[in-house]
């Protein structure tokens, strides 16, 4: 399957003049994994057969961040990476629906009529086996099927995609990342776990202690990775190996702001503002708070040596 070269992204529904009949997948798509890819492949095939636009609908924020923020799942992907995963899956349009109380309070029938049929001009739909929608999650695949003939659309349900004994899901990806199993996460995703972002100016502390870093903002309060990792950075020429810290920097910062800091080996160029992609290859340790800057510097030196050794033996491919 060839990915779409470009993708149209709508924050909400497109204006009436821009609405085109589509084949649609609906989901949170947090970390576009191999289960999602199977869903998207069906969308592309159905769209080609019926001369429709392949499209996906997703939600920001995650619904549980609205109703139970303390119990919301850790975020695997920022919105940029989610959209890129959908593009790679062949989607030509993405509807990013702002999940608020107004959207959550729609009846299931109103969601079908106002959002899917009128707003998206959906003519073919596929959802996962656990899809629920509308107020109190009252809508399900049975309602979608019951409304299909009168609504002029077709609907399919994709059963769970399984790898060995594991159901491929965002929850499984989160569990692998939380446990430091980067290889397991990569098997579920179909590629190494990645975070993309633009390189920001920082406090230049890393430069002062001999370990300059590329700084990337982590958009969510509960990212799926936390700790020190061997990484590879793409987007600044050839892939560059390095070591990264994803966390709160407790030794030098008490703001509670999440940051991804990457120290690249044997690299001294300034790349502020450039869009890069960080691939997480192996976890080295959890984040720690040190009593002094000297202890922090020694720990970074040890992390760098460990990561260099891993690249020399296990991660060079």
Protein backbone atom coordinates (compact mmCIF):
# COMPACT_ATOMS: atom_id res chain seq x y z
CA UNK A 1 0.00 0.00 0.00
CA UNK A 2 1.44 3.35 -1.04
CA UNK A 3 0.85 6.14 1.50
CA UNK A 4 -0.87 9.32 0.46
CA UNK A 5 1.71 11.90 -0.59
CA UNK A 6 -0.30 14.62 1.14
CA UNK A 7 -3.07 14.57 3.70
CA UNK A 8 -5.79 17.12 4.41
CA UNK A 9 -6.30 17.74 8.11
CA UNK A 10 -9.53 19.32 9.35
CA UNK A 11 -9.90 20.56 12.90
CA UNK A 12 -13.49 19.44 13.20
CA UNK A 13 -15.73 18.99 10.21
CA UNK A 14 -14.90 20.45 6.80
CA UNK A 15 -17.02 23.34 5.51
CA UNK A 16 -19.96 22.19 3.37
CA UNK A 17 -18.23 23.07 0.10
CA UNK A 18 -15.28 20.81 1.02
CA UNK A 19 -17.22 17.72 2.00
CA UNK A 20 -16.60 14.69 -0.22
CA UNK A 21 -18.04 11.17 0.02
CA UNK A 22 -15.59 9.09 2.02
CA UNK A 23 -14.72 5.69 3.35
CA UNK A 24 -14.09 6.29 7.04
CA UNK A 25 -12.30 4.72 9.98
CA UNK A 26 -12.97 6.04 13.50
CA UNK A 27 -10.64 5.68 16.47
CA UNK A 28 -8.28 7.37 18.87
CA UNK A 29 -5.31 6.04 16.86
CA UNK A 30 -2.90 6.68 19.74
CA UNK A 31 0.22 5.18 18.26
CA UNK A 32 -0.78 3.85 14.83
CA UNK A 33 0.06 0.19 15.41
CA UNK A 34 -0.34 -2.90 13.25
CA UNK A 35 -3.95 -3.35 14.35
CA UNK A 36 -4.70 0.17 13.14
CA UNK A 37 -2.82 -0.57 9.91
CA UNK A 38 -5.14 -3.50 9.20
CA UNK A 39 -8.10 -1.16 9.73
CA UNK A 40 -6.63 1.47 7.41
CA UNK A 41 -5.85 -1.10 4.70
CA UNK A 42 -9.54 -1.99 4.59
CA UNK A 43 -10.45 1.69 4.28
CA UNK A 44 -8.10 2.15 1.33
CA UNK A 45 -9.40 -0.98 -0.40
CA UNK A 46 -13.04 0.01 0.11
CA UNK A 47 -12.37 3.58 -1.05
CA UNK A 48 -10.73 2.37 -4.25
CA UNK A 49 -13.57 -0.04 -5.02
CA UNK A 50 -16.25 2.62 -4.45
CA UNK A 51 -14.45 5.74 -5.73
CA UNK A 52 -14.45 7.36 -2.28
CA UNK A 53 -11.86 9.36 -0.36
CA UNK A 54 -10.06 7.27 2.33
CA UNK A 55 -10.45 9.15 5.61
CA UNK A 56 -10.05 8.78 9.36
CA UNK A 57 -11.71 10.47 12.33
CA UNK A 58 -9.86 10.87 15.59
CA UNK A 59 -10.37 12.78 18.83
CA UNK A 60 -8.35 15.34 20.79
CA UNK A 61 -8.05 15.16 23.69
CA UNK A 62 -8.50 11.47 24.44
CA UNK A 63 -12.07 11.07 25.78
CA UNK A 64 -10.83 9.84 29.16
CA UNK A 65 -8.78 13.01 29.55
CA UNK A 66 -12.09 14.88 29.66
CA UNK A 67 -14.06 12.60 31.98
CA UNK A 68 -11.36 11.04 34.20
CA UNK A 69 -8.07 12.94 33.72
CA UNK A 70 -6.39 11.15 36.64
CA UNK A 71 -7.17 7.79 35.04
CA UNK A 72 -6.46 8.75 31.42
CA UNK A 73 -4.00 6.50 29.62
CA UNK A 74 -0.44 7.62 28.97
CA UNK A 75 -0.09 9.19 25.53
CA UNK A 76 1.87 7.23 22.94
CA UNK A 77 1.77 9.78 20.12
CA UNK A 78 1.53 13.52 19.73
CA UNK A 79 -0.93 14.79 17.13
CA UNK A 80 1.77 15.27 14.47
CA UNK A 81 2.91 11.65 14.78
CA UNK A 82 -0.67 10.37 14.84
CA UNK A 83 -1.46 12.19 11.60
CA UNK A 84 1.77 10.97 10.00
CA UNK A 85 0.85 7.39 10.92
CA UNK A 86 -2.56 7.85 9.31
CA UNK A 87 -0.93 9.30 6.19
CA UNK A 88 1.45 6.33 6.01
CA UNK A 89 -1.62 4.11 6.31
CA UNK A 90 -3.05 5.64 3.13
CA UNK A 91 -5.48 8.19 4.54
CA UNK A 92 -6.05 11.29 2.44
CA UNK A 93 -8.22 13.13 4.97
CA UNK A 94 -8.25 13.30 8.76
CA UNK A 95 -11.01 14.85 10.84
CA UNK A 96 -9.59 15.84 14.26
CA UNK A 97 -12.68 16.22 16.43
CA UNK A 98 -12.34 18.33 19.56
CA UNK A 99 -13.64 16.02 22.25
CA UNK A 100 -15.62 18.23 24.60
CA UNK A 101 -18.86 17.90 26.52
CA UNK A 102 -20.93 19.10 23.58
CA UNK A 103 -19.61 16.30 21.38
CA UNK A 104 -19.86 13.77 24.20
CA UNK A 105 -23.49 14.71 24.86
CA UNK A 106 -24.68 13.95 21.32
CA UNK A 107 -27.11 11.09 21.08
CA UNK A 108 -25.88 8.13 19.02
CA UNK A 109 -28.41 8.97 16.28
CA UNK A 110 -27.31 12.62 16.20
CA UNK A 111 -23.67 11.50 15.95
CA UNK A 112 -24.55 9.38 12.92
CA UNK A 113 -26.72 12.03 11.26
CA UNK A 114 -24.89 15.26 12.06
CA UNK A 115 -21.27 14.14 12.26
CA UNK A 116 -20.88 11.09 10.05
CA UNK A 117 -23.47 11.52 7.31
CA UNK A 118 -23.84 15.28 7.01
CA UNK A 119 -20.44 16.45 8.28
CA UNK A 120 -18.18 13.78 6.77
CA UNK A 121 -20.42 12.44 3.96
CA UNK A 122 -19.54 8.96 5.09
CA UNK A 123 -20.60 6.24 2.64
CA UNK A 124 -18.57 3.33 4.05
CA UNK A 125 -17.45 2.84 7.64
CA UNK A 126 -15.20 0.49 9.56
CA UNK A 127 -14.79 0.40 13.33
CA UNK A 128 -13.01 -1.82 15.81
CA UNK A 129 -14.66 -4.53 17.86
CA UNK A 130 -14.89 -2.32 20.96
CA UNK A 131 -16.19 0.89 19.32
CA UNK A 132 -18.81 2.87 21.28
CA UNK A 133 -20.13 6.36 20.60
CA UNK A 134 -22.69 8.92 21.70
CA UNK A 135 -23.85 9.97 25.14
CA UNK A 136 -23.05 7.35 27.80
CA UNK A 137 -21.37 5.31 25.02
CA UNK A 138 -24.81 4.03 24.06
CA UNK A 139 -24.09 3.64 20.34
CA UNK A 140 -22.46 0.50 18.99
CA UNK A 141 -22.01 -1.57 15.85
CA UNK A 142 -25.58 -2.86 16.07
CA UNK A 143 -27.02 0.65 15.81
CA UNK A 144 -24.69 1.48 12.93
CA UNK A 145 -25.87 -1.61 11.07
CA UNK A 146 -29.52 -0.88 11.81
CA UNK A 147 -29.15 2.63 10.37
CA UNK A 148 -27.06 1.64 7.34
CA UNK A 149 -29.74 1.04 4.70
CA UNK A 150 -31.70 4.21 5.45
CA UNK A 151 -28.46 6.19 5.81
CA UNK A 152 -27.09 5.03 2.50
CA UNK A 153 -23.84 3.63 3.85
CA UNK A 154 -22.10 0.30 4.44
CA UNK A 155 -20.49 -0.67 7.72
CA UNK A 156 -17.87 -3.25 8.68
CA UNK A 157 -16.42 -4.30 12.00
CA UNK A 158 -12.78 -5.34 12.22
CA UNK A 159 -12.11 -8.09 14.71
CA UNK A 160 -9.12 -7.85 17.03
CA UNK A 161 -5.74 -8.26 15.35
CA UNK A 162 -3.55 -10.72 17.24
CA UNK A 163 0.19 -11.33 17.23
CA UNK A 164 0.91 -14.65 18.91
CA UNK A 165 -1.08 -14.51 22.14
CA UNK A 166 -1.15 -10.68 22.23
CA UNK A 167 -4.05 -8.55 21.05
CA UNK A 168 -2.44 -5.67 19.17
CA UNK A 169 -3.75 -2.52 20.82
CA UNK A 170 -2.64 0.84 22.11
CA UNK A 171 -2.90 -0.60 25.62
CA UNK A 172 -0.40 -3.32 24.69
CA UNK A 173 1.97 -0.71 23.22
CA UNK A 174 1.71 1.37 26.40
CA UNK A 175 2.41 -1.68 28.56
CA UNK A 176 5.51 -2.53 26.51
CA UNK A 177 6.83 1.03 26.73
CA UNK A 178 6.10 1.28 30.45
CA UNK A 179 8.00 -1.95 31.00
CA UNK A 180 10.97 -0.72 28.96
CA UNK A 181 10.34 -3.37 26.29
CA UNK A 182 11.22 -1.27 23.24
CA UNK A 183 11.59 -4.35 21.03
CA UNK A 184 8.10 -5.51 22.01
CA UNK A 185 6.65 -2.08 21.29
CA UNK A 186 8.35 -2.09 17.88
CA UNK A 187 6.79 -5.45 17.04
CA UNK A 188 3.32 -4.08 17.83
CA UNK A 189 3.91 -0.81 15.96
CA UNK A 190 5.72 -2.29 12.98
CA UNK A 191 8.66 0.09 13.53
CA UNK A 192 10.73 1.49 16.42
CA UNK A 193 8.81 3.75 18.77
CA UNK A 194 9.23 7.38 17.64
CA UNK A 195 8.56 10.92 18.79
CA UNK A 196 8.90 13.83 16.38
CA UNK A 197 9.19 17.53 17.11
CA UNK A 198 11.01 20.73 16.33
CA UNK A 199 14.31 21.40 18.07
CA UNK A 200 13.85 24.09 20.71
CA UNK A 201 16.24 26.46 22.41
CA UNK A 202 16.90 25.39 25.98
CA UNK A 203 18.87 26.66 28.95
CA UNK A 204 22.12 25.41 27.34
CA UNK A 205 23.01 23.52 30.55
CA UNK A 206 24.01 20.42 28.59
CA UNK A 207 26.51 22.46 26.60
CA UNK A 208 28.01 23.83 29.82
CA UNK A 209 28.62 20.35 31.26
CA UNK A 210 29.96 18.90 28.00
CA UNK A 211 26.83 17.12 26.76
CA UNK A 212 24.91 19.46 24.42
CA UNK A 213 21.37 18.35 23.67
CA UNK A 214 18.60 18.73 21.16
CA UNK A 215 15.48 19.68 23.10
CA UNK A 216 11.97 18.64 22.04
CA UNK A 217 8.74 19.47 23.82
CA UNK A 218 6.67 16.54 25.07
CA UNK A 219 3.12 17.69 24.52
CA UNK A 220 1.21 15.65 27.08
CA UNK A 221 1.29 15.43 30.86
CA UNK A 222 1.48 11.64 30.79
CA UNK A 223 3.75 10.52 27.95
CA UNK A 224 4.26 6.81 27.42
CA UNK A 225 8.06 6.92 27.85
CA UNK A 226 9.96 8.14 30.88
CA UNK A 227 13.64 7.57 31.54
CA UNK A 228 17.01 7.34 29.79
CA UNK A 229 17.27 5.66 26.38
CA UNK A 230 19.62 4.78 23.57
CA UNK A 231 18.11 6.52 20.54
CA UNK A 232 18.60 7.30 16.89
CA UNK A 233 17.66 10.70 15.43
CA UNK A 234 16.38 11.12 11.88
CA UNK A 235 15.93 14.33 9.93
CA UNK A 236 19.36 15.95 10.14
CA UNK A 237 21.18 14.04 7.43
CA UNK A 238 22.22 10.47 8.10
CA UNK A 239 20.61 8.79 11.16
CA UNK A 240 22.53 9.85 14.26
CA UNK A 241 22.99 7.69 17.38
CA UNK A 242 22.71 9.20 20.81
CA UNK A 243 21.31 9.03 24.32
CA UNK A 244 18.09 10.70 25.42
CA UNK A 245 16.32 11.69 28.59
CA UNK A 246 12.53 11.80 28.52
CA UNK A 247 11.20 13.27 31.72
CA UNK A 248 10.97 16.09 34.22
CA UNK A 249 14.71 16.77 34.83
CA UNK A 250 14.30 16.70 38.65
CA UNK A 251 17.94 17.58 39.35
CA UNK A 252 17.79 20.95 37.58
CA UNK A 253 14.10 21.82 37.13
CA UNK A 254 11.07 21.81 39.40
CA UNK A 255 8.56 23.23 36.90
CA UNK A 256 6.90 19.88 36.18
CA UNK A 257 7.42 20.42 32.45
CA UNK A 258 8.15 17.33 30.39
CA UNK A 259 11.07 17.56 27.99
CA UNK A 260 12.89 15.21 25.62
CA UNK A 261 16.63 15.96 25.62
CA UNK A 262 18.86 14.12 23.14
CA UNK A 263 22.66 14.13 23.24
CA UNK A 264 23.99 13.05 19.85
CA UNK A 265 27.39 11.44 19.64
CA UNK A 266 30.07 13.36 17.73
CA UNK A 267 27.63 16.00 16.51
CA UNK A 268 28.05 19.75 16.98
CA UNK A 269 25.75 21.39 14.43
CA UNK A 270 23.01 23.80 15.48
CA UNK A 271 19.66 22.59 14.19
CA UNK A 272 17.21 24.80 16.05
CA UNK A 273 13.77 24.84 14.45
CA UNK A 274 14.33 21.70 12.41
CA UNK A 275 11.81 18.89 12.54
CA UNK A 276 13.45 15.68 13.76
CA UNK A 277 12.29 12.21 14.66
CA UNK A 278 13.66 10.36 17.69
CA UNK A 279 13.62 6.55 17.57
CA UNK A 280 13.76 4.86 20.98
CA UNK A 281 15.81 1.67 20.72
CA UNK A 282 16.65 0.53 24.26
CA UNK A 283 15.94 1.77 27.77
CA UNK A 284 19.02 2.28 29.93
CA UNK A 285 17.53 3.29 33.27
CA UNK A 286 14.81 5.29 35.00
CA UNK A 287 15.14 9.02 35.54
CA UNK A 288 16.80 9.96 38.85
CA UNK A 289 17.26 13.07 40.97
CA UNK A 290 20.92 13.65 41.82
CA UNK A 291 22.30 15.66 44.71
CA UNK A 292 24.68 17.70 42.57
CA UNK A 293 25.41 18.73 39.02
CA UNK A 294 28.64 16.74 39.21
CA UNK A 295 26.69 13.55 39.95
CA UNK A 296 24.33 14.29 37.06
CA UNK A 297 27.25 14.86 34.71
CA UNK A 298 28.85 11.56 35.75
CA UNK A 299 25.56 9.73 35.18
CA UNK A 300 25.19 11.22 31.69
CA UNK A 301 28.76 10.17 30.89
CA UNK A 302 28.00 6.63 32.01
CA UNK A 303 24.74 6.59 30.02
CA UNK A 304 26.61 7.77 26.92
CA UNK A 305 29.27 5.08 27.28
CA UNK A 306 26.58 2.43 27.71
CA UNK A 307 24.67 3.64 24.67
CA UNK A 308 27.82 3.80 22.53
CA UNK A 309 28.60 0.23 23.47
CA UNK A 310 25.09 -0.87 22.54
CA UNK A 311 25.36 0.81 19.15
CA UNK A 312 28.72 -0.84 18.58
CA UNK A 313 27.30 -4.30 19.27
CA UNK A 314 23.50 -4.58 19.13
CA UNK A 315 21.92 -1.43 17.65
CA UNK A 316 24.11 -0.69 14.63
CA UNK A 317 21.71 -2.24 12.08
